């Protein structure tokens, strides 16, 4: 049976870590970005403004806050985006790191997605600094919440994952030599560690997350239980 070109390309993308930067994949990522370049800053600013007004709806100063765009990067290799592109559900997506002093005291990273009709939609990815892309954060966050609640339970607090949580301001803890540069939104080689503050059960718990790139756009994660810290109020 003859395979479709799309299926063949998906198989190529997922065969092994050694082929993660296969020339055909890099070529396709470049083609997608050439066909759908990043919107200009005024359009990005407008998108961030709309999303900020939704996310920070209780902050009256946010509506008139200045927006400074620090960095715009393609998110084409993010698993969510890559899959949508293969299925022709998106044209492209970008991460936009911005500062909104009237809304938030820390840098905020958004993802701006371009639909097939060229309309845009935007989500907030995280507050603070993180090298983890959106799909990697989504995959790892439940583990971080489990680590936080388990720590609180060991300390005698009544706390369960069903009690709700909030991810705080992320930060980079360390980078190992050989950490690869961001490539279309992901890192294909190297390791790094981040601190993820999880607010749950009226406590803030800092969870150390170590990422090791798997060579295929994802990462292996390690959340050592002895490095989880409950902050004092």
Protein backbone atom coordinates (compact mmCIF):
# COMPACT_ATOMS: atom_id res chain seq x y z
CA UNK A 1 0.00 0.00 0.00
CA UNK A 2 1.35 3.42 -0.95
CA UNK A 3 1.80 5.87 1.91
CA UNK A 4 0.70 9.48 1.55
CA UNK A 5 3.44 12.14 1.52
CA UNK A 6 2.12 13.57 4.79
CA UNK A 7 2.20 10.18 6.54
CA UNK A 8 5.70 9.54 5.22
CA UNK A 9 6.85 12.90 6.55
CA UNK A 10 5.34 12.23 9.99
CA UNK A 11 7.11 8.86 10.10
CA UNK A 12 10.38 10.57 9.20
CA UNK A 13 9.85 13.14 11.97
CA UNK A 14 9.34 10.49 14.64
CA UNK A 15 11.66 7.64 13.66
CA UNK A 16 14.58 8.39 15.94
CA UNK A 17 16.46 11.07 17.81
CA UNK A 18 19.29 10.79 15.30
CA UNK A 19 16.96 12.07 12.57
CA UNK A 20 15.50 14.93 14.60
CA UNK A 21 17.37 17.50 12.53
CA UNK A 22 17.10 15.56 9.27
CA UNK A 23 17.63 17.95 6.33
CA UNK A 24 14.13 17.25 5.00
CA UNK A 25 12.57 18.27 8.32
CA UNK A 26 14.68 21.42 8.57
CA UNK A 27 13.75 22.22 4.97
CA UNK A 28 10.05 21.83 5.75
CA UNK A 29 10.29 23.97 8.89
CA UNK A 30 12.01 26.67 6.84
CA UNK A 31 9.36 26.40 4.13
CA UNK A 32 6.56 26.89 6.65
CA UNK A 33 8.30 29.93 8.13
CA UNK A 34 9.02 31.43 4.72
CA UNK A 35 5.39 30.96 3.72
CA UNK A 36 4.04 32.48 6.95
CA UNK A 37 6.51 34.96 8.47
CA UNK A 38 5.88 36.52 11.86
CA UNK A 39 3.36 39.37 11.96
CA UNK A 40 4.75 42.84 12.52
CA UNK A 41 5.10 44.24 16.03
CA UNK A 42 1.90 46.35 15.93
CA UNK A 43 -0.15 43.24 15.13
CA UNK A 44 1.62 41.22 17.82
CA UNK A 45 1.13 44.03 20.32
CA UNK A 46 -2.60 44.14 19.52
CA UNK A 47 -2.89 40.39 20.08
CA UNK A 48 -1.01 40.55 23.37
CA UNK A 49 -3.17 43.46 24.48
CA UNK A 50 -6.38 41.48 23.90
CA UNK A 51 -5.06 38.41 25.71
CA UNK A 52 -3.65 40.47 28.59
CA UNK A 53 -7.02 42.15 29.09
CA UNK A 54 -8.57 38.69 29.47
CA UNK A 55 -5.86 37.24 31.72
CA UNK A 56 -5.42 40.30 33.94
CA UNK A 57 -9.07 41.39 33.95
CA UNK A 58 -8.97 42.52 37.61
CA UNK A 59 -6.05 44.91 36.97
CA UNK A 60 -7.31 48.34 35.96
CA UNK A 61 -3.79 49.53 35.06
CA UNK A 62 -3.34 46.70 32.57
CA UNK A 63 -5.67 48.11 29.90
CA UNK A 64 -3.44 51.17 29.46
CA UNK A 65 -0.12 49.44 30.12
CA UNK A 66 2.72 49.85 27.66
CA UNK A 67 3.73 46.61 25.95
CA UNK A 68 7.38 46.04 25.11
CA UNK A 69 8.20 43.05 22.91
CA UNK A 70 11.59 41.60 23.82
CA UNK A 71 11.77 38.54 21.59
CA UNK A 72 9.82 36.85 18.81
CA UNK A 73 10.71 33.26 17.92
CA UNK A 74 9.13 30.67 15.62
CA UNK A 75 7.32 27.90 17.50
CA UNK A 76 7.01 25.72 14.41
CA UNK A 77 8.74 22.67 15.93
CA UNK A 78 6.62 22.69 19.09
CA UNK A 79 4.73 19.39 19.03
CA UNK A 80 1.30 21.04 19.19
CA UNK A 81 2.15 23.44 16.37
CA UNK A 82 3.97 20.87 14.22
CA UNK A 83 1.00 18.50 14.41
CA UNK A 84 -1.43 21.28 13.51
CA UNK A 85 0.71 22.25 10.54
CA UNK A 86 0.86 18.66 9.31
CA UNK A 87 -2.94 18.52 9.56
CA UNK A 88 -3.21 21.93 7.87
CA UNK A 89 -5.00 23.40 10.88
CA UNK A 90 -2.55 26.32 11.28
CA UNK A 91 -0.22 28.36 9.10
CA UNK A 92 2.39 29.02 11.81
CA UNK A 93 2.93 30.09 15.41
CA UNK A 94 5.42 32.18 17.36
CA UNK A 95 6.39 32.71 20.98
CA UNK A 96 6.52 36.36 21.98
CA UNK A 97 8.30 37.37 25.18
CA UNK A 98 6.99 40.71 26.38
CA UNK A 99 7.03 43.09 29.29
CA UNK A 100 3.75 44.58 30.48
CA UNK A 101 4.64 46.68 33.54
CA UNK A 102 1.03 47.70 34.22
CA UNK A 103 -0.12 44.06 34.09
CA UNK A 104 2.77 41.97 35.40
CA UNK A 105 6.07 42.65 37.13
CA UNK A 106 7.91 39.88 35.24
CA UNK A 107 8.45 38.98 31.58
CA UNK A 108 5.53 37.09 30.08
CA UNK A 109 5.70 34.63 27.18
CA UNK A 110 2.76 34.34 24.82
CA UNK A 111 2.12 32.08 21.84
CA UNK A 112 0.56 33.75 18.82
CA UNK A 113 -0.99 31.30 16.33
CA UNK A 114 -1.96 32.12 12.76
CA UNK A 115 -5.05 30.33 11.48
CA UNK A 116 -5.51 29.28 7.86
CA UNK A 117 -7.57 32.42 7.18
CA UNK A 118 -4.65 34.53 8.55
CA UNK A 119 -6.56 35.48 11.70
CA UNK A 120 -4.59 35.30 14.92
CA UNK A 121 -5.26 33.80 18.34
CA UNK A 122 -3.05 34.09 21.38
CA UNK A 123 -2.48 32.29 24.67
CA UNK A 124 -0.24 33.03 27.62
CA UNK A 125 2.38 30.28 27.96
CA UNK A 126 4.14 31.24 31.18
CA UNK A 127 5.31 34.03 33.44
CA UNK A 128 9.05 34.42 33.94
CA UNK A 129 11.80 32.68 32.01
CA UNK A 130 11.61 29.11 30.73
CA UNK A 131 13.28 27.23 27.89
CA UNK A 132 10.48 24.66 27.87
CA UNK A 133 8.11 25.13 24.94
CA UNK A 134 4.35 25.11 25.33
CA UNK A 135 3.76 21.39 24.71
CA UNK A 136 6.65 20.47 27.01
CA UNK A 137 5.22 22.63 29.78
CA UNK A 138 1.82 20.99 29.28
CA UNK A 139 3.37 17.53 29.51
CA UNK A 140 5.49 18.35 32.59
CA UNK A 141 3.16 20.51 34.67
CA UNK A 142 1.01 17.62 35.99
CA UNK A 143 4.19 15.94 37.26
CA UNK A 144 5.28 19.13 38.99
CA UNK A 145 1.88 19.43 40.67
CA UNK A 146 2.11 15.82 41.85
CA UNK A 147 5.58 16.49 43.26
CA UNK A 148 4.33 19.58 45.10
CA UNK A 149 1.29 17.91 46.63
CA UNK A 150 3.32 14.83 47.61
CA UNK A 151 5.79 17.07 49.43
CA UNK A 152 2.99 18.79 51.32
CA UNK A 153 1.42 15.45 52.23
CA UNK A 154 4.75 14.20 53.61
CA UNK A 155 4.88 17.32 55.78
CA UNK A 156 1.44 16.55 57.18
CA UNK A 157 -0.66 18.97 55.14
CA UNK A 158 -4.01 17.89 53.77
CA UNK A 159 -3.53 18.45 50.06
CA UNK A 160 -4.51 16.67 46.85
CA UNK A 161 -4.02 17.36 43.17
CA UNK A 162 -7.76 17.95 42.87
CA UNK A 163 -7.48 20.99 45.18
CA UNK A 164 -6.30 23.17 42.31
CA UNK A 165 -2.99 24.85 41.58
CA UNK A 166 -1.32 27.78 39.88
CA UNK A 167 2.07 27.88 38.18
CA UNK A 168 4.07 30.87 39.39
CA UNK A 169 7.04 32.72 37.92
CA UNK A 170 9.41 30.21 36.36
CA UNK A 171 13.16 30.74 36.30
CA UNK A 172 16.26 29.05 34.95
CA UNK A 173 18.29 27.32 37.67
CA UNK A 174 21.21 26.02 35.60
CA UNK A 175 22.42 25.23 32.10
CA UNK A 176 24.85 22.46 31.20
CA UNK A 177 27.65 22.94 28.70
CA UNK A 178 26.51 21.90 25.27
CA UNK A 179 22.94 23.14 25.61
CA UNK A 180 21.73 23.69 22.06
CA UNK A 181 20.25 26.92 20.81
CA UNK A 182 16.54 27.38 20.31
CA UNK A 183 15.61 25.99 16.88
CA UNK A 184 12.09 26.71 15.67
CA UNK A 185 10.92 26.78 19.29
CA UNK A 186 12.66 23.68 20.73
CA UNK A 187 16.11 22.58 21.86
CA UNK A 188 17.46 19.41 20.31
CA UNK A 189 20.47 18.81 22.55
CA UNK A 190 21.76 19.44 26.06
CA UNK A 191 20.28 19.76 29.54
CA UNK A 192 19.03 22.54 31.74
CA UNK A 193 17.14 22.96 35.01
CA UNK A 194 14.31 25.26 35.99
CA UNK A 195 12.45 26.17 39.17
CA UNK A 196 8.69 25.98 38.89
CA UNK A 197 6.75 27.49 41.82
CA UNK A 198 3.46 25.67 42.33
CA UNK A 199 0.84 27.40 44.46
CA UNK A 200 -1.59 24.89 45.93
CA UNK A 201 -3.38 24.29 49.24
CA UNK A 202 -2.44 27.78 50.49
CA UNK A 203 1.28 27.05 50.11
CA UNK A 204 3.91 27.75 47.46
CA UNK A 205 6.14 24.82 46.58
CA UNK A 206 9.24 25.20 44.41
CA UNK A 207 9.84 22.18 42.19
CA UNK A 208 13.18 21.65 40.47
CA UNK A 209 12.68 20.31 36.94
CA UNK A 210 15.65 19.05 34.94
CA UNK A 211 15.18 18.75 31.19
CA UNK A 212 17.38 16.67 28.89
CA UNK A 213 16.65 17.15 25.21
CA UNK A 214 15.75 13.87 23.54
CA UNK A 215 16.98 14.95 20.11
CA UNK A 216 13.46 14.80 18.69
CA UNK A 217 12.03 18.08 19.91
CA UNK A 218 10.93 16.78 23.31
CA UNK A 219 12.84 16.22 26.53
CA UNK A 220 13.30 13.71 29.31
CA UNK A 221 12.36 15.22 32.68
CA UNK A 222 13.55 14.59 36.21
CA UNK A 223 11.85 16.05 39.28
CA UNK A 224 13.91 14.90 42.29
CA UNK A 225 11.76 14.70 45.38
CA UNK A 226 14.58 15.75 47.71
CA UNK A 227 14.85 19.07 45.84
CA UNK A 228 11.22 20.09 46.30
CA UNK A 229 10.98 23.02 48.73
CA UNK A 230 7.97 24.47 50.56
CA UNK A 231 8.37 28.21 50.97
CA UNK A 232 7.56 29.84 54.26
CA UNK A 233 4.61 32.22 54.23
